[in-house]
Amino acid sequence: MADYHKCFIENVKFYRKQKGMSQAQLAEACEVSNGTIGNIECGMTKPSFDLIIQIANKLEVKPESLFFSPENGDFAHEISDKLSKNQLKRVKKVLSSAIYEAVEELKK
């Protein structure tokens, strides 16, 4: 299992517990089955981009923070601190386009 995947799993568990939510409550909030969240948290399945966004919204965190390890520092925050708002908007636009293109390519 890739490091980013392990980190994602641990962060979903951490933020879910921090919000006082059970897997069933998070599943209901995201409109998926209890098994879906359980399978994500045990590494048996990987969520779609849409579900990652839903999970982050329900846990009230930025989606990117689900992928960074607290031990290694939050790289996303380091980037945010060093870039202007306009630069961040451009980075976000480029990343959004890249994600969209990757999803479209996977659909083929």
PDB file of N, CA and C in Angstrom:
ATOM      1  N   MET A   1       0.860  -1.186   0.000  1.00  0.00           N
ATOM      2  CA  MET A   1       0.000   0.000   0.000  1.00  0.00           C
ATOM      3  C   MET A   1       0.899   1.240   0.000  1.00  0.00           C
ATOM      4  N   ALA A   2       0.592   2.166  -0.852  1.00  0.00           N
ATOM      5  CA  ALA A   2       1.381   3.396  -0.977  1.00  0.00           C
ATOM      6  C   ALA A   2       1.266   4.247   0.280  1.00  0.00           C
ATOM      7  N   ASP A   3       2.316   5.027   0.548  1.00  0.00           N
ATOM      8  CA  ASP A   3       2.325   5.878   1.734  1.00  0.00           C
ATOM      9  C   ASP A   3       1.152   6.848   1.757  1.00  0.00           C
ATOM     10  N   TYR A   4       0.825   7.445   0.586  1.00  0.00           N
ATOM     11  CA  TYR A   4      -0.282   8.400   0.556  1.00  0.00           C
ATOM     12  C   TYR A   4      -1.604   7.719   0.917  1.00  0.00           C
ATOM     13  N   HIS A   5      -1.741   6.443   0.533  1.00  0.00           N
ATOM     14  CA  HIS A   5      -2.972   5.708   0.841  1.00  0.00           C
ATOM     15  C   HIS A   5      -3.064   5.422   2.342  1.00  0.00           C
ATOM     16  N   LYS A   6      -1.960   4.998   2.931  1.00  0.00           N
ATOM     17  CA  LYS A   6      -1.925   4.766   4.379  1.00  0.00           C
ATOM     18  C   LYS A   6      -2.246   6.058   5.128  1.00  0.00           C
ATOM     19  N   CYS A   7      -1.649   7.138   4.678  1.00  0.00           N
ATOM     20  CA  CYS A   7      -1.864   8.441   5.300  1.00  0.00           C
ATOM     21  C   CYS A   7      -3.333   8.844   5.186  1.00  0.00           C
ATOM     22  N   PHE A   8      -3.921   8.650   4.009  1.00  0.00           N
ATOM     23  CA  PHE A   8      -5.334   8.969   3.790  1.00  0.00           C
ATOM     24  C   PHE A   8      -6.210   8.197   4.770  1.00  0.00           C
ATOM     25  N   ILE A   9      -5.967   6.906   4.888  1.00  0.00           N
ATOM     26  CA  ILE A   9      -6.759   6.056   5.792  1.00  0.00           C
ATOM     27  C   ILE A   9      -6.662   6.565   7.224  1.00  0.00           C
ATOM     28  N   GLU A  10      -5.447   6.801   7.682  1.00  0.00           N
ATOM     29  CA  GLU A  10      -5.247   7.263   9.058  1.00  0.00           C
ATOM     30  C   GLU A  10      -5.904   8.624   9.294  1.00  0.00           C
ATOM     31  N   ASN A  11      -5.813   9.518   8.320  1.00  0.00           N
ATOM     32  CA  ASN A  11      -6.409  10.845   8.479  1.00  0.00           C
ATOM     33  C   ASN A  11      -7.929  10.794   8.483  1.00  0.00           C
ATOM     34  N   VAL A  12      -8.521   9.949   7.637  1.00  0.00           N
ATOM     35  CA  VAL A  12      -9.980   9.807   7.659  1.00  0.00           C
ATOM     36  C   VAL A  12     -10.424   9.320   9.035  1.00  0.00           C
ATOM     37  N   LYS A  13      -9.752   8.299   9.558  1.00  0.00           N
ATOM     38  CA  LYS A  13     -10.085   7.787  10.893  1.00  0.00           C
ATOM     39  C   LYS A  13      -9.915   8.883  11.946  1.00  0.00           C
ATOM     40  N   PHE A  14      -8.767   9.571  11.892  1.00  0.00           N
ATOM     41  CA  PHE A  14      -8.471  10.608  12.883  1.00  0.00           C
ATOM     42  C   PHE A  14      -9.529  11.709  12.880  1.00  0.00           C
ATOM     43  N   TYR A  15      -9.788  12.284  11.698  1.00  0.00           N
ATOM     44  CA  TYR A  15     -10.741  13.395  11.624  1.00  0.00           C
ATOM     45  C   TYR A  15     -12.168  12.938  11.939  1.00  0.00           C
ATOM     46  N   ARG A  16     -12.511  11.709  11.549  1.00  0.00           N
ATOM     47  CA  ARG A  16     -13.844  11.182  11.865  1.00  0.00           C
ATOM     48  C   ARG A  16     -14.016  11.067  13.377  1.00  0.00           C
ATOM     49  N   LYS A  17     -13.016  10.499  14.036  1.00  0.00           N
ATOM     50  CA  LYS A  17     -13.085  10.345  15.490  1.00  0.00           C
ATOM     51  C   LYS A  17     -13.049  11.707  16.185  1.00  0.00           C
ATOM     52  N   GLN A  18     -12.257  12.626  15.631  1.00  0.00           N
ATOM     53  CA  GLN A  18     -12.177  13.976  16.195  1.00  0.00           C
ATOM     54  C   GLN A  18     -13.546  14.656  16.162  1.00  0.00           C
ATOM     55  N   LYS A  19     -14.335  14.396  15.132  1.00  0.00           N
ATOM     56  CA  LYS A  19     -15.686  14.954  15.008  1.00  0.00           C
ATOM     57  C   LYS A  19     -16.707  14.153  15.819  1.00  0.00           C
ATOM     58  N   GLY A  20     -16.250  13.059  16.449  1.00  0.00           N
ATOM     59  CA  GLY A  20     -17.155  12.227  17.239  1.00  0.00           C
ATOM     60  C   GLY A  20     -18.122  11.429  16.381  1.00  0.00           C
ATOM     61  N   MET A  21     -17.707  11.118  15.162  1.00  0.00           N
ATOM     62  CA  MET A  21     -18.570  10.390  14.230  1.00  0.00           C
ATOM     63  C   MET A  21     -18.183   8.920  14.149  1.00  0.00           C
ATOM     64  N   SER A  22     -19.189   8.077  14.042  1.00  0.00           N
ATOM     65  CA  SER A  22     -18.945   6.661  13.771  1.00  0.00           C
ATOM     66  C   SER A  22     -18.807   6.484  12.265  1.00  0.00           C
ATOM     67  N   GLN A  23     -18.361   5.314  11.860  1.00  0.00           N
ATOM     68  CA  GLN A  23     -18.304   5.026  10.427  1.00  0.00           C
ATOM     69  C   GLN A  23     -19.702   5.122   9.822  1.00  0.00           C
ATOM     70  N   ALA A  24     -20.684   4.635  10.551  1.00  0.00           N
ATOM     71  CA  ALA A  24     -22.069   4.668  10.060  1.00  0.00           C
ATOM     72  C   ALA A  24     -22.553   6.104   9.883  1.00  0.00           C
ATOM     73  N   GLN A  25     -22.205   6.984  10.812  1.00  0.00           N
ATOM     74  CA  GLN A  25     -22.622   8.385  10.696  1.00  0.00           C
ATOM     75  C   GLN A  25     -21.951   9.080   9.509  1.00  0.00           C
ATOM     76  N   LEU A  26     -20.657   8.809   9.309  1.00  0.00           N
ATOM     77  CA  LEU A  26     -19.964   9.394   8.172  1.00  0.00           C
ATOM     78  C   LEU A  26     -20.547   8.850   6.869  1.00  0.00           C
ATOM     79  N   ALA A  27     -20.828   7.556   6.847  1.00  0.00           N
ATOM     80  CA  ALA A  27     -21.420   6.946   5.656  1.00  0.00           C
ATOM     81  C   ALA A  27     -22.766   7.586   5.333  1.00  0.00           C
ATOM     82  N   GLU A  28     -23.592   7.761   6.343  1.00  0.00           N
ATOM     83  CA  GLU A  28     -24.900   8.380   6.126  1.00  0.00           C
ATOM     84  C   GLU A  28     -24.751   9.814   5.622  1.00  0.00           C
ATOM     85  N   ALA A  29     -23.824  10.557   6.209  1.00  0.00           N
ATOM     86  CA  ALA A  29     -23.600  11.951   5.799  1.00  0.00           C
ATOM     87  C   ALA A  29     -23.132  12.022   4.347  1.00  0.00           C
ATOM     88  N   CYS A  30     -22.358  11.036   3.914  1.00  0.00           N
ATOM     89  CA  CYS A  30     -21.827  11.010   2.545  1.00  0.00           C
ATOM     90  C   CYS A  30     -22.743  10.250   1.582  1.00  0.00           C
ATOM     91  N   GLU A  31     -23.843   9.735   2.111  1.00  0.00           N
ATOM     92  CA  GLU A  31     -24.818   8.990   1.310  1.00  0.00           C
ATOM     93  C   GLU A  31     -24.208   7.764   0.628  1.00  0.00           C
ATOM     94  N   VAL A  32     -23.411   7.021   1.424  1.00  0.00           N
ATOM     95  CA  VAL A  32     -22.857   5.747   0.961  1.00  0.00           C
ATOM     96  C   VAL A  32     -23.165   4.697   2.030  1.00  0.00           C
ATOM     97  N   SER A  33     -22.890   3.451   1.738  1.00  0.00           N
ATOM     98  CA  SER A  33     -23.161   2.392   2.709  1.00  0.00           C
ATOM     99  C   SER A  33     -22.119   2.394   3.827  1.00  0.00           C
ATOM    100  N   ASN A  34     -22.506   1.819   4.967  1.00  0.00           N
ATOM    101  CA  ASN A  34     -21.561   1.692   6.082  1.00  0.00           C
ATOM    102  C   ASN A  34     -20.318   0.924   5.634  1.00  0.00           C
ATOM    103  N   GLY A  35     -20.533  -0.095   4.805  1.00  0.00           N
ATOM    104  CA  GLY A  35     -19.429  -0.914   4.331  1.00  0.00           C
ATOM    105  C   GLY A  35     -18.427  -0.128   3.505  1.00  0.00           C
ATOM    106  N   THR A  36     -18.906   0.872   2.796  1.00  0.00           N
ATOM    107  CA  THR A  36     -18.003   1.676   1.966  1.00  0.00           C
ATOM    108  C   THR A  36     -16.964   2.382   2.834  1.00  0.00           C
ATOM    109  N   ILE A  37     -17.414   3.037   3.889  1.00  0.00           N
ATOM    110  CA  ILE A  37     -16.475   3.733   4.787  1.00  0.00           C
ATOM    111  C   ILE A  37     -15.573   2.724   5.486  1.00  0.00           C
ATOM    112  N   GLY A  38     -16.141   1.611   5.934  1.00  0.00           N
ATOM    113  CA  GLY A  38     -15.340   0.563   6.577  1.00  0.00           C
ATOM    114  C   GLY A  38     -14.265   0.029   5.643  1.00  0.00           C
ATOM    115  N   ASN A  39     -14.637  -0.216   4.391  1.00  0.00           N
ATOM    116  CA  ASN A  39     -13.671  -0.723   3.412  1.00  0.00           C
ATOM    117  C   ASN A  39     -12.595   0.303   3.092  1.00  0.00           C
ATOM    118  N   ILE A  40     -12.964   1.575   3.072  1.00  0.00           N
ATOM    119  CA  ILE A  40     -11.976   2.632   2.855  1.00  0.00           C
ATOM    120  C   ILE A  40     -11.002   2.669   4.024  1.00  0.00           C
ATOM    121  N   GLU A  41     -11.534   2.616   5.235  1.00  0.00           N
ATOM    122  CA  GLU A  41     -10.676   2.726   6.426  1.00  0.00           C
ATOM    123  C   GLU A  41      -9.798   1.506   6.660  1.00  0.00           C
ATOM    124  N   CYS A  42     -10.163   0.354   6.094  1.00  0.00           N
ATOM    125  CA  CYS A  42      -9.284  -0.812   6.255  1.00  0.00           C
ATOM    126  C   CYS A  42      -8.419  -1.034   5.017  1.00  0.00           C
ATOM    127  N   GLY A  43      -8.535  -0.124   4.029  1.00  0.00           N
ATOM    128  CA  GLY A  43      -7.675  -0.177   2.861  1.00  0.00           C
ATOM    129  C   GLY A  43      -8.117  -1.141   1.775  1.00  0.00           C
ATOM    130  N   MET A  44      -9.335  -1.672   1.885  1.00  0.00           N
ATOM    131  CA  MET A  44      -9.821  -2.627   0.891  1.00  0.00           C
ATOM    132  C   MET A  44     -10.301  -1.946  -0.393  1.00  0.00           C
ATOM    133  N   THR A  45     -10.673  -0.673  -0.280  1.00  0.00           N
ATOM    134  CA  THR A  45     -11.142   0.054  -1.456  1.00  0.00           C
ATOM    135  C   THR A  45     -10.652   1.491  -1.401  1.00  0.00           C
ATOM    136  N   LYS A  46     -10.552   2.097  -2.566  1.00  0.00           N
ATOM    137  CA  LYS A  46     -10.145   3.495  -2.654  1.00  0.00           C
ATOM    138  C   LYS A  46     -11.346   4.304  -3.110  1.00  0.00           C
ATOM    139  N   PRO A  47     -11.596   5.442  -2.470  1.00  0.00           N
ATOM    140  CA  PRO A  47     -12.762   6.243  -2.845  1.00  0.00           C
ATOM    141  C   PRO A  47     -12.548   7.005  -4.146  1.00  0.00           C
ATOM    142  N   SER A  48     -13.657   7.354  -4.778  1.00  0.00           N
ATOM    143  CA  SER A  48     -13.601   8.199  -5.975  1.00  0.00           C
ATOM    144  C   SER A  48     -13.204   9.611  -5.562  1.00  0.00           C
ATOM    145  N   PHE A  49     -12.866  10.433  -6.548  1.00  0.00           N
ATOM    146  CA  PHE A  49     -12.563  11.837  -6.255  1.00  0.00           C
ATOM    147  C   PHE A  49     -13.758  12.511  -5.594  1.00  0.00           C
ATOM    148  N   ASP A  50     -14.945  12.234  -6.126  1.00  0.00           N
ATOM    149  CA  ASP A  50     -16.155  12.844  -5.566  1.00  0.00           C
ATOM    150  C   ASP A  50     -16.344  12.463  -4.106  1.00  0.00           C
ATOM    151  N   LEU A  51     -16.099  11.194  -3.790  1.00  0.00           N
ATOM    152  CA  LEU A  51     -16.273  10.751  -2.402  1.00  0.00           C
ATOM    153  C   LEU A  51     -15.205  11.351  -1.497  1.00  0.00           C
ATOM    154  N   ILE A  52     -14.004  11.516  -1.988  1.00  0.00           N
ATOM    155  CA  ILE A  52     -12.956  12.175  -1.193  1.00  0.00           C
ATOM    156  C   ILE A  52     -13.409  13.586  -0.817  1.00  0.00           C
ATOM    157  N   ILE A  53     -13.977  14.302  -1.787  1.00  0.00           N
ATOM    158  CA  ILE A  53     -14.467  15.659  -1.534  1.00  0.00           C
ATOM    159  C   ILE A  53     -15.601  15.632  -0.515  1.00  0.00           C
ATOM    160  N   GLN A  54     -16.530  14.687  -0.672  1.00  0.00           N
ATOM    161  CA  GLN A  54     -17.645  14.569   0.278  1.00  0.00           C
ATOM    162  C   GLN A  54     -17.146  14.282   1.688  1.00  0.00           C
ATOM    163  N   ILE A  55     -16.228  13.335   1.802  1.00  0.00           N
ATOM    164  CA  ILE A  55     -15.683  12.978   3.119  1.00  0.00           C
ATOM    165  C   ILE A  55     -15.029  14.203   3.755  1.00  0.00           C
ATOM    166  N   ALA A  56     -14.199  14.887   2.987  1.00  0.00           N
ATOM    167  CA  ALA A  56     -13.531  16.079   3.518  1.00  0.00           C
ATOM    168  C   ALA A  56     -14.549  17.123   3.960  1.00  0.00           C
ATOM    169  N   ASN A  57     -15.575  17.357   3.153  1.00  0.00           N
ATOM    170  CA  ASN A  57     -16.607  18.339   3.517  1.00  0.00           C
ATOM    171  C   ASN A  57     -17.321  17.952   4.795  1.00  0.00           C
ATOM    172  N   LYS A  58     -17.675  16.696   4.920  1.00  0.00           N
ATOM    173  CA  LYS A  58     -18.392  16.242   6.115  1.00  0.00           C
ATOM    174  C   LYS A  58     -17.499  16.273   7.350  1.00  0.00           C
ATOM    175  N   LEU A  59     -16.199  16.075   7.159  1.00  0.00           N
ATOM    176  CA  LEU A  59     -15.255  16.135   8.287  1.00  0.00           C
ATOM    177  C   LEU A  59     -14.744  17.558   8.516  1.00  0.00           C
ATOM    178  N   GLU A  60     -15.188  18.481   7.648  1.00  0.00           N
ATOM    179  CA  GLU A  60     -14.829  19.899   7.743  1.00  0.00           C
ATOM    180  C   GLU A  60     -13.319  20.132   7.689  1.00  0.00           C
ATOM    181  N   VAL A  61     -12.693  19.455   6.710  1.00  0.00           N
ATOM    182  CA  VAL A  61     -11.262  19.646   6.449  1.00  0.00           C
ATOM    183  C   VAL A  61     -11.082  19.835   4.953  1.00  0.00           C
ATOM    184  N   LYS A  62      -9.944  20.372   4.568  1.00  0.00           N
ATOM    185  CA  LYS A  62      -9.629  20.497   3.148  1.00  0.00           C
ATOM    186  C   LYS A  62      -9.272  19.104   2.625  1.00  0.00           C
ATOM    187  N   PRO A  63      -9.713  18.769   1.417  1.00  0.00           N
ATOM    188  CA  PRO A  63      -9.407  17.440   0.880  1.00  0.00           C
ATOM    189  C   PRO A  63      -7.921  17.095   0.905  1.00  0.00           C
ATOM    190  N   GLU A  64      -7.082  18.077   0.600  1.00  0.00           N
ATOM    191  CA  GLU A  64      -5.646  17.790   0.565  1.00  0.00           C
ATOM    192  C   GLU A  64      -5.083  17.426   1.932  1.00  0.00           C
ATOM    193  N   SER A  65      -5.716  17.892   2.999  1.00  0.00           N
ATOM    194  CA  SER A  65      -5.202  17.572   4.334  1.00  0.00           C
ATOM    195  C   SER A  65      -5.423  16.107   4.693  1.00  0.00           C
ATOM    196  N   LEU A  66      -6.240  15.398   3.918  1.00  0.00           N
ATOM    197  CA  LEU A  66      -6.422  13.963   4.154  1.00  0.00           C
ATOM    198  C   LEU A  66      -5.230  13.146   3.656  1.00  0.00           C
ATOM    199  N   PHE A  67      -4.332  13.783   2.908  1.00  0.00           N
ATOM    200  CA  PHE A  67      -3.219  13.065   2.307  1.00  0.00           C
ATOM    201  C   PHE A  67      -1.857  13.381   2.906  1.00  0.00           C
ATOM    202  N   PHE A  68      -1.800  14.230   3.928  1.00  0.00           N
ATOM    203  CA  PHE A  68      -0.526  14.611   4.503  1.00  0.00           C
ATOM    204  C   PHE A  68      -0.360  14.076   5.907  1.00  0.00           C
ATOM    205  N   SER A  69       0.834  13.632   6.191  1.00  0.00           N
ATOM    206  CA  SER A  69       1.157  13.045   7.474  1.00  0.00           C
ATOM    207  C   SER A  69       1.567  14.117   8.474  1.00  0.00           C
ATOM    208  N   PRO A  70       0.954  14.118   9.651  1.00  0.00           N
ATOM    209  CA  PRO A  70       1.336  15.093  10.670  1.00  0.00           C
ATOM    210  C   PRO A  70       2.813  14.972  11.073  1.00  0.00           C
ATOM    211  N   GLU A  71       3.362  13.752  11.027  1.00  0.00           N
ATOM    212  CA  GLU A  71       4.771  13.562  11.408  1.00  0.00           C
ATOM    213  C   GLU A  71       5.709  14.250  10.421  1.00  0.00           C
ATOM    214  N   ASN A  72       5.300  14.303   9.162  1.00  0.00           N
ATOM    215  CA  ASN A  72       6.151  14.895   8.130  1.00  0.00           C
ATOM    216  C   ASN A  72       5.860  16.364   7.914  1.00  0.00           C
ATOM    217  N   GLY A  73       4.974  16.926   8.683  1.00  0.00           N
ATOM    218  CA  GLY A  73       4.586  18.310   8.487  1.00  0.00           C
ATOM    219  C   GLY A  73       3.512  18.399   7.424  1.00  0.00           C
ATOM    220  N   ASP A  74       2.743  19.426   7.481  1.00  0.00           N
ATOM    221  CA  ASP A  74       1.654  19.596   6.526  1.00  0.00           C
ATOM    222  C   ASP A  74       2.151  20.401   5.346  1.00  0.00           C
ATOM    223  N   PHE A  75       2.599  19.710   4.337  1.00  0.00           N
ATOM    224  CA  PHE A  75       3.167  20.329   3.143  1.00  0.00           C
ATOM    225  C   PHE A  75       2.185  21.308   2.506  1.00  0.00           C
ATOM    226  N   ALA A  76       0.899  20.982   2.531  1.00  0.00           N
ATOM    227  CA  ALA A  76      -0.106  21.872   1.928  1.00  0.00           C
ATOM    228  C   ALA A  76      -0.095  23.234   2.607  1.00  0.00           C
ATOM    229  N   HIS A  77       0.021  23.258   3.919  1.00  0.00           N
ATOM    230  CA  HIS A  77       0.042  24.534   4.632  1.00  0.00           C
ATOM    231  C   HIS A  77       1.334  25.305   4.362  1.00  0.00           C
ATOM    232  N   GLU A  78       2.433  24.576   4.220  1.00  0.00           N
ATOM    233  CA  GLU A  78       3.691  25.244   3.882  1.00  0.00           C
ATOM    234  C   GLU A  78       3.578  25.935   2.532  1.00  0.00           C
ATOM    235  N   ILE A  79       2.985  25.271   1.565  1.00  0.00           N
ATOM    236  CA  ILE A  79       2.795  25.863   0.241  1.00  0.00           C
ATOM    237  C   ILE A  79       1.884  27.073   0.344  1.00  0.00           C
ATOM    238  N   SER A  80       0.764  26.923   1.046  1.00  0.00           N
ATOM    239  CA  SER A  80      -0.208  28.015   1.176  1.00  0.00           C
ATOM    240  C   SER A  80       0.420  29.259   1.786  1.00  0.00           C
ATOM    241  N   ASP A  81       1.280  29.054   2.762  1.00  0.00           N
ATOM    242  CA  ASP A  81       1.909  30.188   3.435  1.00  0.00           C
ATOM    243  C   ASP A  81       2.865  30.952   2.518  1.00  0.00           C
ATOM    244  N   LYS A  82       3.439  30.272   1.531  1.00  0.00           N
ATOM    245  CA  LYS A  82       4.461  30.886   0.692  1.00  0.00           C
ATOM    246  C   LYS A  82       3.929  31.470  -0.611  1.00  0.00           C
ATOM    247  N   LEU A  83       2.690  31.136  -0.956  1.00  0.00           N
ATOM    248  CA  LEU A  83       2.134  31.606  -2.226  1.00  0.00           C
ATOM    249  C   LEU A  83       1.060  32.661  -1.994  1.00  0.00           C
ATOM    250  N   SER A  84       0.946  33.579  -2.937  1.00  0.00           N
ATOM    251  CA  SER A  84      -0.111  34.582  -2.863  1.00  0.00           C
ATOM    252  C   SER A  84      -1.441  33.929  -3.232  1.00  0.00           C
ATOM    253  N   LYS A  85      -2.541  34.626  -2.985  1.00  0.00           N
ATOM    254  CA  LYS A  85      -3.860  34.094  -3.329  1.00  0.00           C
ATOM    255  C   LYS A  85      -3.978  33.837  -4.822  1.00  0.00           C
ATOM    256  N   ASN A  86      -3.453  34.749  -5.636  1.00  0.00           N
ATOM    257  CA  ASN A  86      -3.512  34.554  -7.086  1.00  0.00           C
ATOM    258  C   ASN A  86      -2.708  33.330  -7.514  1.00  0.00           C
ATOM    259  N   GLN A  87      -1.549  33.139  -6.907  1.00  0.00           N
ATOM    260  CA  GLN A  87      -0.743  31.969  -7.231  1.00  0.00           C
ATOM    261  C   GLN A  87      -1.478  30.693  -6.822  1.00  0.00           C
ATOM    262  N   LEU A  88      -2.104  30.719  -5.658  1.00  0.00           N
ATOM    263  CA  LEU A  88      -2.862  29.552  -5.199  1.00  0.00           C
ATOM    264  C   LEU A  88      -4.031  29.248  -6.138  1.00  0.00           C
ATOM    265  N   LYS A  89      -4.703  30.297  -6.627  1.00  0.00           N
ATOM    266  CA  LYS A  89      -5.801  30.097  -7.566  1.00  0.00           C
ATOM    267  C   LYS A  89      -5.303  29.425  -8.843  1.00  0.00           C
ATOM    268  N   ARG A  90      -4.133  29.859  -9.321  1.00  0.00           N
ATOM    269  CA  ARG A  90      -3.574  29.266 -10.539  1.00  0.00           C
ATOM    270  C   ARG A  90      -3.198  27.805 -10.306  1.00  0.00           C
ATOM    271  N   VAL A  91      -2.592  27.519  -9.158  1.00  0.00           N
ATOM    272  CA  VAL A  91      -2.222  26.143  -8.824  1.00  0.00           C
ATOM    273  C   VAL A  91      -3.485  25.278  -8.747  1.00  0.00           C
ATOM    274  N   LYS A  92      -4.503  25.803  -8.086  1.00  0.00           N
ATOM    275  CA  LYS A  92      -5.760  25.063  -7.951  1.00  0.00           C
ATOM    276  C   LYS A  92      -6.374  24.782  -9.324  1.00  0.00           C
ATOM    277  N   LYS A  93      -6.343  25.770 -10.204  1.00  0.00           N
ATOM    278  CA  LYS A  93      -6.912  25.618 -11.541  1.00  0.00           C
ATOM    279  C   LYS A  93      -6.157  24.539 -12.314  1.00  0.00           C
ATOM    280  N   VAL A  94      -4.834  24.567 -12.247  1.00  0.00           N
ATOM    281  CA  VAL A  94      -4.023  23.572 -12.948  1.00  0.00           C
ATOM    282  C   VAL A  94      -4.294  22.174 -12.389  1.00  0.00           C
ATOM    283  N   LEU A  95      -4.330  22.055 -11.056  1.00  0.00           N
ATOM    284  CA  LEU A  95      -4.589  20.752 -10.445  1.00  0.00           C
ATOM    285  C   LEU A  95      -5.988  20.256 -10.778  1.00  0.00           C
ATOM    286  N   SER A  96      -6.974  21.150 -10.749  1.00  0.00           N
ATOM    287  CA  SER A  96      -8.341  20.763 -11.084  1.00  0.00           C
ATOM    288  C   SER A  96      -8.414  20.247 -12.507  1.00  0.00           C
ATOM    289  N   SER A  97      -7.752  20.934 -13.418  1.00  0.00           N
ATOM    290  CA  SER A  97      -7.734  20.502 -14.818  1.00  0.00           C
ATOM    291  C   SER A  97      -7.057  19.149 -14.958  1.00  0.00           C
ATOM    292  N   ALA A  98      -5.958  18.966 -14.245  1.00  0.00           N
ATOM    293  CA  ALA A  98      -5.231  17.696 -14.322  1.00  0.00           C
ATOM    294  C   ALA A  98      -6.073  16.551 -13.779  1.00  0.00           C
ATOM    295  N   ILE A  99      -6.768  16.791 -12.678  1.00  0.00           N
ATOM    296  CA  ILE A  99      -7.635  15.757 -12.100  1.00  0.00           C
ATOM    297  C   ILE A  99      -8.771  15.441 -13.061  1.00  0.00           C
ATOM    298  N   TYR A 100      -9.387  16.475 -13.625  1.00  0.00           N
ATOM    299  CA  TYR A 100     -10.479  16.274 -14.579  1.00  0.00           C
ATOM    300  C   TYR A 100     -10.005  15.441 -15.769  1.00  0.00           C
ATOM    301  N   GLU A 101      -8.852  15.801 -16.314  1.00  0.00           N
ATOM    302  CA  GLU A 101      -8.316  15.075 -17.463  1.00  0.00           C
ATOM    303  C   GLU A 101      -8.009  13.624 -17.106  1.00  0.00           C
ATOM    304  N   ALA A 102      -7.481  13.399 -15.910  1.00  0.00           N
ATOM    305  CA  ALA A 102      -7.183  12.026 -15.479  1.00  0.00           C
ATOM    306  C   ALA A 102      -8.464  11.213 -15.348  1.00  0.00           C
ATOM    307  N   VAL A 103      -9.496  11.798 -14.781  1.00  0.00           N
ATOM    308  CA  VAL A 103     -10.782  11.099 -14.640  1.00  0.00           C
ATOM    309  C   VAL A 103     -11.355  10.788 -16.012  1.00  0.00           C
ATOM    310  N   GLU A 104     -11.316  11.753 -16.918  1.00  0.00           N
ATOM    311  CA  GLU A 104     -11.837  11.521 -18.267  1.00  0.00           C
ATOM    312  C   GLU A 104     -11.052  10.404 -18.957  1.00  0.00           C
ATOM    313  N   GLU A 105      -9.755  10.375 -18.761  1.00  0.00           N
ATOM    314  CA  GLU A 105      -8.922   9.339 -19.366  1.00  0.00           C
ATOM    315  C   GLU A 105      -9.272   7.962 -18.784  1.00  0.00           C
ATOM    316  N   LEU A 106      -9.550   7.915 -17.485  1.00  0.00           N
ATOM    317  CA  LEU A 106      -9.918   6.651 -16.845  1.00  0.00           C
ATOM    318  C   LEU A 106     -11.271   6.148 -17.329  1.00  0.00           C
ATOM    319  N   LYS A 107     -12.152   7.051 -17.699  1.00  0.00           N
ATOM    320  CA  LYS A 107     -13.469   6.669 -18.186  1.00  0.00           C
ATOM    321  C   LYS A 107     -13.410   5.971 -19.545  1.00  0.00           C
ATOM    322  N   LYS A 108     -12.330   6.232 -20.297  1.00  0.00           N
ATOM    323  CA  LYS A 108     -12.206   5.672 -21.653  1.00  0.00           C
ATOM    324  C   LYS A 108     -11.944   4.192 -21.639  1.00  0.00           C
TER     325      LYS A 108
END
